[in-house]
Amino acid sequence: MIWKRSAVLRFYSVCGLLLQAAASKNKMKGSQGQFPLTQNVTVVEGGTAILTCRVDQNDNTSLQWSNPAQQTLYFDDKKALRDNRIELVRASWHELSISVSDVSLSDEGQYTCSLFTMPVKTSKAYLTVLGVPEKPQISGFSSPVMEGDLMQLTCKTSGSKPAADIRWFKNDKEIKDVKYLKEEDANRKTFTVSSTLDFRVDRSDDGVAVICRVDHESLNATPQVAMQVLEIHYTPSVKIIPSTPFPQEGQPLILTCESKGKPLPEPVLWTKDGGELPDPDRMVVSGRELNILFLNKTDNGTYRCEATNTIGQSSAEYVLIVHDPNALAGQTGPDHALIGGIVAVVVFVTLCSIFLLGRYLARHKGTYLTNEAKGAEDAPDADTAIINAEGSQVNAEEKKEYFI
């Protein structure tokens, strides 16, 4: 097989030299301006690379592609290397394009396109192969975790080229303060990267999804992710909720003990004033509820609800004061005495206003009728006032004004 491959290579090399000699004899002058054009190519490992070599003006001169080991891949439309992954895409006097499928990291390197003029002209194209990072893995989690413990999670991925980037998220919020480590793999071409996240957990972290995201140019903007859902155990939190804000004598009352914890506390313990419930017939415990039937004043006191799980114990208290229905109705109903007092004040102020207004109008009217002239107030009667009025004439006709 090696002998046959060598023979083929020698054959195409001889053909190339013969064609080169023919071209140099027939069209030496026209070939001097020709030059092959190529472009660098980047492809993801396992993908297909297309290598294209073009000549703007060609006088039937042959084109050839060679790999980084200087092995001829194609000479015009003739395949020279027995590799099923390499195929001809297009061959003409102006272009030679080939494809390399299922590309591996070993295919990376500098490929050469040769134009057999005199002298031979070449153009280089570098094939870059991207190593796809493996799916990340999260380690360091042990379930369950106790509230207040320090958690250390590590995310790792291998096989990336260039080295991948790792980012952490908690409930879709990115965590910036992390450690990052990059190591070269045994093949000395790809990398293993890892990142460590340290944080102290609390009860709000229970059920939270911690996500490790790997970003890399080979992933076509679709990152690879690994997720770890946290399970946090914590002591119970307890709260007592009454069925009514104003417990009244003769009415029922339900006290609900709302307890949260992990593991869930079950059941709860009810006590009154530090001891057992005094009247089991009227005080019935059902799950987390304490039902007190027909409240009376003897039920007054401090009720305590206690919840316990494997992590710890918590409790809450409720001070019960039973109200007299009549007194409560008096407190909550309208204050008629207050309303009556307000009405009396309004009526009194109104009457006073009317009285003062009447006096003012009466006084204003009298002044207008008797003050015909200055000094009229000193006259003993109306006739004299008119006669003595300022500006009156002695011989003026006597005028009189009578008021009824």
Protein backbone atom coordinates (compact mmCIF):
# COMPACT_ATOMS: atom_id res chain seq x y z
CA MET A 1 0.00 0.00 0.00
CA ILE A 2 2.83 2.42 0.88
CA TRP A 3 4.58 1.53 -2.42
CA LYS A 4 1.40 2.29 -4.39
CA ARG A 5 0.92 5.63 -2.59
CA SER A 6 4.51 6.61 -3.31
CA ALA A 7 4.09 5.64 -6.94
CA VAL A 8 0.98 7.77 -7.25
CA LEU A 9 2.73 10.73 -5.69
CA ARG A 10 5.68 10.34 -8.04
CA PHE A 11 3.30 10.07 -10.96
CA TYR A 12 1.52 13.33 -10.13
CA SER A 13 4.78 15.06 -9.41
CA VAL A 14 6.10 14.05 -12.83
CA CYS A 15 2.86 15.18 -14.43
CA GLY A 16 3.14 18.48 -12.64
CA LEU A 17 6.67 19.01 -13.86
CA LEU A 18 5.70 18.14 -17.43
CA LEU A 19 2.72 20.49 -17.32
CA GLN A 20 4.86 23.15 -15.77
CA ALA A 21 7.45 22.81 -18.55
CA ALA A 22 4.76 22.94 -21.21
CA ALA A 23 3.19 26.01 -19.70
CA SER A 24 6.53 27.75 -19.41
CA LYS A 25 7.32 27.09 -23.09
CA ASN A 26 3.92 28.03 -24.52
CA LYS A 27 2.68 30.85 -22.26
CA MET A 28 5.63 32.03 -20.22
CA LYS A 29 4.81 35.68 -20.68
CA GLY A 30 1.11 35.46 -19.73
CA SER A 31 1.69 33.34 -16.61
CA GLN A 32 3.91 35.80 -14.78
CA GLY A 33 0.94 37.82 -13.43
CA GLN A 34 -0.97 34.81 -12.02
CA PHE A 35 -1.10 34.15 -8.26
CA PRO A 36 -3.28 31.69 -6.23
CA LEU A 37 -5.63 33.11 -3.58
CA THR A 38 -6.64 31.20 -0.40
CA GLN A 39 -8.31 31.89 2.97
CA ASN A 40 -7.77 30.53 6.46
CA VAL A 41 -10.47 28.15 7.68
CA THR A 42 -11.81 27.43 11.18
CA VAL A 43 -13.88 24.32 11.80
CA VAL A 44 -15.24 22.49 14.82
CA GLU A 45 -13.80 19.07 15.57
CA GLY A 46 -15.90 16.49 13.73
CA GLY A 47 -17.10 19.02 11.18
CA THR A 48 -16.21 19.56 7.51
CA ALA A 49 -13.60 22.03 6.24
CA ILE A 50 -13.71 23.48 2.72
CA LEU A 51 -10.34 24.57 1.29
CA THR A 52 -10.60 26.81 -1.78
CA CYS A 53 -7.83 28.07 -4.07
CA ARG A 54 -8.68 30.57 -6.85
CA VAL A 55 -6.82 32.20 -9.70
CA ASP A 56 -8.28 35.29 -11.31
CA GLN A 57 -6.61 34.76 -14.70
CA ASN A 58 -5.34 31.32 -15.58
CA ASP A 59 -3.82 30.07 -18.84
CA ASN A 60 -4.63 26.40 -18.22
CA THR A 61 -1.96 26.12 -15.52
CA SER A 62 -2.51 23.31 -12.99
CA LEU A 63 -3.47 23.81 -9.33
CA GLN A 64 -2.53 21.54 -6.43
CA TRP A 65 -3.47 21.23 -2.72
CA SER A 66 -0.98 19.83 -0.17
CA ASN A 67 -1.45 19.06 3.53
CA PRO A 68 0.80 20.24 6.42
CA ALA A 69 3.03 17.18 5.84
CA GLN A 70 3.48 18.36 2.22
CA GLN A 71 1.54 15.41 0.89
CA THR A 72 -0.37 16.14 -2.30
CA LEU A 73 -4.13 15.90 -1.74
CA TYR A 74 -5.44 16.88 -5.17
CA PHE A 75 -3.68 17.76 -8.43
CA ASP A 76 -6.33 19.49 -10.52
CA ASP A 77 -9.21 17.00 -10.41
CA LYS A 78 -6.97 14.01 -9.65
CA LYS A 79 -7.01 12.66 -6.09
CA ALA A 80 -3.49 11.88 -4.89
CA LEU A 81 -3.95 10.83 -1.22
CA ARG A 82 -6.05 7.83 -0.29
CA ASP A 83 -8.16 9.39 2.46
CA ASN A 84 -11.91 8.87 2.24
CA ARG A 85 -12.50 12.03 4.22
CA ILE A 86 -11.02 14.20 1.46
CA GLU A 87 -13.25 14.89 -1.57
CA LEU A 88 -13.19 17.16 -4.61
CA VAL A 89 -15.69 20.02 -4.49
CA ARG A 90 -14.81 21.90 -7.71
CA ALA A 91 -11.95 21.78 -10.21
CA SER A 92 -11.48 24.25 -13.07
CA TRP A 93 -8.76 26.43 -14.54
CA HIS A 94 -9.74 29.16 -12.09
CA GLU A 95 -10.51 27.18 -8.92
CA LEU A 96 -9.59 24.07 -6.98
CA SER A 97 -11.79 23.38 -3.92
CA ILE A 98 -11.63 20.29 -1.71
CA SER A 99 -13.43 19.22 1.46
CA VAL A 100 -12.10 17.44 4.55
CA SER A 101 -14.88 15.79 6.56
CA ASP A 102 -14.86 14.49 10.14
CA VAL A 103 -12.01 16.84 10.92
CA SER A 104 -9.81 15.89 13.88
CA LEU A 105 -7.33 17.90 15.90
CA SER A 106 -4.49 16.24 13.98
CA ASP A 107 -5.76 17.83 10.75
CA GLU A 108 -4.92 21.29 12.04
CA GLY A 109 -2.07 23.05 10.31
CA GLN A 110 -0.95 24.97 7.24
CA TYR A 111 -2.22 23.78 3.85
CA THR A 112 -0.58 24.89 0.57
CA CYS A 113 -2.10 25.69 -2.81
CA SER A 114 0.44 25.62 -5.67
CA LEU A 115 0.07 27.15 -9.11
CA PHE A 116 2.48 25.51 -11.54
CA THR A 117 3.81 28.52 -13.34
CA MET A 118 7.48 29.22 -13.86
CA PRO A 119 8.43 29.67 -11.12
CA VAL A 120 5.78 27.84 -9.04
CA LYS A 121 3.62 30.20 -6.98
CA THR A 122 2.03 29.18 -3.69
CA SER A 123 -0.52 30.46 -1.17
CA LYS A 124 -0.99 29.22 2.40
CA ALA A 125 -4.26 28.53 4.22
CA TYR A 126 -4.24 27.69 7.93
CA LEU A 127 -6.83 25.18 9.11
CA THR A 128 -7.81 25.76 12.77
CA VAL A 129 -9.69 22.94 14.51
CA LEU A 130 -11.75 23.84 17.60
CA GLY A 131 -11.89 21.24 20.36
CA VAL A 132 -15.44 20.87 21.71
CA PRO A 133 -15.59 20.87 25.54
CA GLU A 134 -17.16 17.86 27.17
CA LYS A 135 -20.40 18.22 29.11
CA PRO A 136 -19.51 19.77 32.48
CA GLN A 137 -19.84 17.90 35.75
CA ILE A 138 -20.50 19.37 39.22
CA SER A 139 -18.88 17.71 42.20
CA GLY A 140 -18.67 18.42 45.92
CA PHE A 141 -22.40 18.32 46.76
CA SER A 142 -23.65 16.01 49.48
CA SER A 143 -27.33 15.95 50.35
CA PRO A 144 -28.66 17.26 52.61
CA VAL A 145 -26.69 20.31 53.74
CA MET A 146 -27.32 21.89 57.14
CA GLU A 147 -28.17 25.57 57.34
CA GLY A 148 -25.04 27.62 58.01
CA ASP A 149 -22.63 25.08 56.52
CA LEU A 150 -19.96 26.13 54.01
CA MET A 151 -20.53 24.54 50.60
CA GLN A 152 -17.83 24.07 47.97
CA LEU A 153 -18.90 23.06 44.46
CA THR A 154 -16.49 22.35 41.57
CA CYS A 155 -17.42 22.34 37.88
CA LYS A 156 -15.05 20.69 35.38
CA THR A 157 -14.93 20.15 31.62
CA SER A 158 -12.23 18.67 29.36
CA GLY A 159 -11.32 18.62 25.67
CA SER A 160 -11.74 22.30 24.84
CA LYS A 161 -9.49 24.09 22.37
CA PRO A 162 -8.92 26.88 23.12
CA ALA A 163 -9.69 26.67 26.84
CA ALA A 164 -13.39 27.04 27.61
CA ASP A 165 -14.90 29.63 29.94
CA ILE A 166 -16.92 28.56 33.02
CA ARG A 167 -19.56 30.74 34.67
CA TRP A 168 -21.74 30.12 37.76
CA PHE A 169 -25.37 31.10 38.27
CA LYS A 170 -27.70 30.84 41.25
CA ASN A 171 -31.39 31.34 40.44
CA ASP A 172 -30.35 32.95 37.11
CA LYS A 173 -28.12 35.46 38.92
CA GLU A 174 -24.44 35.21 38.02
CA ILE A 175 -21.90 34.66 40.80
CA LYS A 176 -18.65 36.47 40.10
CA ASP A 177 -16.42 35.55 43.04
CA VAL A 178 -15.17 32.10 41.88
CA LYS A 179 -11.84 30.35 41.32
CA TYR A 180 -10.71 29.28 37.82
CA LEU A 181 -8.07 26.71 36.85
CA LYS A 182 -6.80 25.74 33.35
CA GLU A 183 -4.70 22.61 32.68
CA GLU A 184 -3.30 21.20 29.42
CA ASP A 185 -4.52 17.72 28.48
CA ALA A 186 -2.19 14.80 27.77
CA ASN A 187 -2.44 15.37 24.00
CA ARG A 188 -1.03 18.87 24.55
CA LYS A 189 -3.67 20.28 22.23
CA THR A 190 -6.80 20.59 24.39
CA PHE A 191 -7.47 21.86 27.90
CA THR A 192 -9.29 20.83 31.06
CA VAL A 193 -10.79 23.76 32.92
CA SER A 194 -12.40 23.79 36.36
CA SER A 195 -14.04 26.39 38.56
CA THR A 196 -14.79 26.29 42.29
CA LEU A 197 -17.67 28.06 44.02
CA ASP A 198 -17.63 28.62 47.81
CA PHE A 199 -20.61 29.97 49.76
CA ARG A 200 -22.40 29.54 53.10
CA VAL A 201 -25.96 28.23 52.79
CA ASP A 202 -29.11 29.31 54.58
CA ARG A 203 -32.77 28.26 54.42
CA SER A 204 -33.44 30.55 51.45
CA ASP A 205 -31.11 28.32 49.39
CA ASP A 206 -33.35 25.28 49.76
CA GLY A 207 -34.60 24.22 46.33
CA VAL A 208 -32.35 26.71 44.54
CA ALA A 209 -30.77 25.56 41.25
CA VAL A 210 -27.03 26.20 41.02
CA ILE A 211 -25.93 26.17 37.37
CA CYS A 212 -22.46 25.74 35.90
CA ARG A 213 -22.34 27.09 32.33
CA VAL A 214 -19.56 26.39 29.81
CA ASP A 215 -19.13 28.91 27.00
CA HIS A 216 -16.97 28.14 23.97
CA GLU A 217 -16.78 29.32 20.36
CA SER A 218 -17.30 25.75 19.14
CA LEU A 219 -20.76 25.59 20.76
CA ASN A 220 -22.42 28.03 18.33
CA ALA A 221 -23.80 30.28 21.12
CA THR A 222 -25.49 27.28 22.78
CA PRO A 223 -23.60 26.75 26.05
CA GLN A 224 -23.35 23.46 27.86
CA VAL A 225 -24.75 23.45 31.40
CA ALA A 226 -24.75 21.31 34.51
CA MET A 227 -27.27 21.91 37.29
CA GLN A 228 -27.39 21.03 40.97
CA VAL A 229 -30.56 21.60 43.03
CA LEU A 230 -29.72 22.36 46.66
CA GLU A 231 -31.41 20.66 49.60
CA ILE A 232 -30.95 22.57 52.85
CA HIS A 233 -32.16 21.32 56.25
CA TYR A 234 -33.03 23.95 58.87
CA THR A 235 -34.82 24.38 62.20
CA PRO A 236 -38.55 25.20 62.18
CA SER A 237 -39.98 28.70 62.15
CA VAL A 238 -43.31 29.03 64.01
CA LYS A 239 -46.18 31.57 63.94
CA ILE A 240 -49.64 31.46 65.57
CA ILE A 241 -52.58 32.83 63.54
CA PRO A 242 -55.95 33.39 65.34
CA SER A 243 -59.23 32.98 63.46
CA THR A 244 -60.46 36.37 64.76
CA PRO A 245 -58.66 39.46 66.06
CA PHE A 246 -61.29 40.04 68.84
CA PRO A 247 -62.17 36.79 70.61
CA GLN A 248 -65.55 37.13 72.35
CA GLU A 249 -67.06 35.22 75.20
CA GLY A 250 -69.37 32.46 74.03
CA GLN A 251 -67.84 32.25 70.55
CA PRO A 252 -65.37 29.64 69.19
CA LEU A 253 -61.70 30.40 68.45
CA ILE A 254 -59.24 28.55 66.20
CA LEU A 255 -55.50 29.05 66.70
CA THR A 256 -53.42 27.82 63.74
CA CYS A 257 -49.77 26.98 64.34
CA GLU A 258 -47.98 27.75 61.05
CA SER A 259 -44.65 25.93 61.16
CA LYS A 260 -42.02 25.73 58.43
CA GLY A 261 -38.88 23.67 58.51
CA LYS A 262 -36.96 20.93 56.76
CA PRO A 263 -37.63 18.17 57.53
CA LEU A 264 -41.22 19.34 58.08
CA PRO A 265 -42.09 19.36 61.81
CA GLU A 266 -44.99 17.07 62.59
CA PRO A 267 -46.94 17.16 64.85
CA VAL A 268 -46.93 20.34 66.96
CA LEU A 269 -47.33 20.60 70.74
CA TRP A 270 -49.85 23.00 72.33
CA THR A 271 -49.61 24.18 75.97
CA LYS A 272 -51.25 26.90 78.10
CA ASP A 273 -49.36 28.93 80.70
CA GLY A 274 -46.53 26.42 80.66
CA GLY A 275 -48.74 23.37 81.28
CA GLU A 276 -51.17 21.07 79.55
CA LEU A 277 -54.43 22.32 78.07
CA PRO A 278 -56.85 22.57 81.04
CA ASP A 279 -60.10 21.61 79.32
CA PRO A 280 -59.62 18.85 76.70
CA ASP A 281 -63.37 18.70 76.05
CA ARG A 282 -63.50 22.31 74.83
CA MET A 283 -59.88 22.59 73.64
CA VAL A 284 -59.43 20.16 70.75
CA VAL A 285 -56.12 19.81 68.88
CA SER A 286 -56.48 18.83 65.22
CA GLY A 287 -53.17 18.70 63.35
CA ARG A 288 -51.69 22.18 63.68
CA GLU A 289 -54.97 23.75 64.89
CA LEU A 290 -56.21 24.36 68.44
CA ASN A 291 -60.02 24.68 68.50
CA ILE A 292 -61.48 26.33 71.63
CA LEU A 293 -65.27 25.97 71.85
CA PHE A 294 -67.46 28.56 73.67
CA LEU A 295 -64.83 30.95 74.98
CA ASN A 296 -65.08 32.19 78.54
CA LYS A 297 -62.91 34.35 80.80
CA THR A 298 -61.17 31.29 82.25
CA ASP A 299 -59.58 30.72 78.84
CA ASN A 300 -57.48 33.87 79.20
CA GLY A 301 -53.77 33.12 79.24
CA THR A 302 -50.66 32.46 77.14
CA TYR A 303 -50.89 29.67 74.59
CA ARG A 304 -47.68 28.19 73.23
CA CYS A 305 -47.12 26.20 70.03
CA GLU A 306 -43.91 24.17 69.79
CA ALA A 307 -42.54 22.58 66.59
CA THR A 308 -39.62 20.14 66.44
CA ASN A 309 -37.70 18.41 63.67
CA THR A 310 -34.38 16.54 63.51
CA ILE A 311 -32.46 19.82 63.28
CA GLY A 312 -33.93 21.72 66.22
CA GLN A 313 -36.94 23.19 67.99
CA SER A 314 -38.84 26.49 67.79
CA SER A 315 -41.98 27.92 69.40
CA ALA A 316 -44.40 30.86 69.30
CA GLU A 317 -46.80 32.32 71.90
CA TYR A 318 -50.25 33.91 71.74
CA VAL A 319 -51.84 35.86 74.62
CA LEU A 320 -55.59 35.25 74.65
CA ILE A 321 -57.89 37.91 76.11
CA VAL A 322 -61.59 37.02 75.94
CA HIS A 323 -63.75 40.14 75.50
CA ASP A 324 -67.25 40.79 76.83
CA PRO A 325 -69.56 40.96 73.78
CA ASN A 326 -71.52 43.91 75.24
CA ALA A 327 -68.44 45.90 76.13
CA LEU A 328 -66.89 45.11 72.75
CA ALA A 329 -70.09 46.22 70.99
CA GLY A 330 -70.05 49.48 72.99
CA GLN A 331 -66.46 50.06 72.04
CA THR A 332 -66.96 49.33 68.44
CA GLY A 333 -70.46 50.98 67.99
CA PRO A 334 -71.13 54.70 67.35
CA ASP A 335 -70.65 57.14 70.28
CA HIS A 336 -74.12 58.81 70.47
CA ALA A 337 -73.14 61.17 73.29
CA LEU A 338 -70.26 62.50 71.28
CA ILE A 339 -72.44 62.95 68.21
CA GLY A 340 -75.13 64.75 70.28
CA GLY A 341 -72.55 67.10 71.75
CA ILE A 342 -71.21 67.99 68.34
CA VAL A 343 -74.76 68.71 67.06
CA ALA A 344 -75.51 70.94 70.11
CA VAL A 345 -72.34 72.95 69.54
CA VAL A 346 -73.17 73.43 65.87
CA VAL A 347 -76.73 74.63 66.71
CA PHE A 348 -75.43 77.02 69.39
CA VAL A 349 -72.84 78.54 67.06
CA THR A 350 -75.50 78.95 64.35
CA LEU A 351 -77.94 80.76 66.69
CA CYS A 352 -75.20 83.05 67.94
CA SER A 353 -74.25 83.92 64.40
CA ILE A 354 -77.84 84.75 63.49
CA PHE A 355 -78.25 86.94 66.60
CA LEU A 356 -75.07 88.92 65.94
CA LEU A 357 -75.95 89.35 62.29
CA GLY A 358 -79.41 90.72 63.24
CA ARG A 359 -77.93 93.24 65.66
CA TYR A 360 -75.46 94.40 63.04
CA LEU A 361 -78.18 94.93 60.41
CA ALA A 362 -80.45 96.76 62.85
CA ARG A 363 -77.69 99.13 63.95
CA HIS A 364 -76.61 99.81 60.39
CA LYS A 365 -80.21 100.72 59.36
CA GLY A 366 -80.76 103.23 62.24
CA THR A 367 -77.56 105.07 61.49
CA TYR A 368 -78.48 105.48 57.87
CA LEU A 369 -81.94 106.96 58.59
CA THR A 370 -80.98 109.49 61.33
CA ASN A 371 -77.53 110.62 60.10
CA GLU A 372 -78.88 112.96 57.49
CA ALA A 373 -76.11 115.46 58.29
CA LYS A 374 -73.26 115.87 60.71
CA GLY A 375 -74.46 116.90 64.16
CA ALA A 376 -77.91 115.38 63.68
CA GLU A 377 -77.39 113.06 66.61
CA ASP A 378 -77.47 116.07 69.02
CA ALA A 379 -80.96 117.24 67.83
CA PRO A 380 -83.82 116.66 70.26
CA ASP A 381 -86.16 115.57 67.51
CA ALA A 382 -86.27 114.85 63.83
CA ASP A 383 -87.50 118.34 62.84
CA THR A 384 -84.68 120.04 64.65
CA ALA A 385 -82.19 117.61 63.16
CA ILE A 386 -83.32 118.51 59.68
CA ILE A 387 -83.26 122.24 60.38
CA ASN A 388 -79.79 122.04 61.98
CA ALA A 389 -78.36 119.73 59.34
CA GLU A 390 -75.11 120.90 57.84
CA GLY A 391 -75.58 122.74 54.61
CA SER A 392 -79.24 123.69 55.39
CA GLN A 393 -80.52 127.18 54.47
CA VAL A 394 -82.40 129.36 56.91
CA ASN A 395 -84.98 130.33 54.36
CA ALA A 396 -85.32 126.89 52.92
CA GLU A 397 -88.71 125.29 52.83
CA GLU A 398 -89.33 123.27 55.94
CA LYS A 399 -89.02 119.57 55.33
CA LYS A 400 -90.16 116.93 57.66
CA GLU A 401 -89.62 113.15 57.71
CA TYR A 402 -91.58 110.82 59.81
CA PHE A 403 -90.75 107.29 60.78
CA ILE A 404 -93.24 104.73 61.76
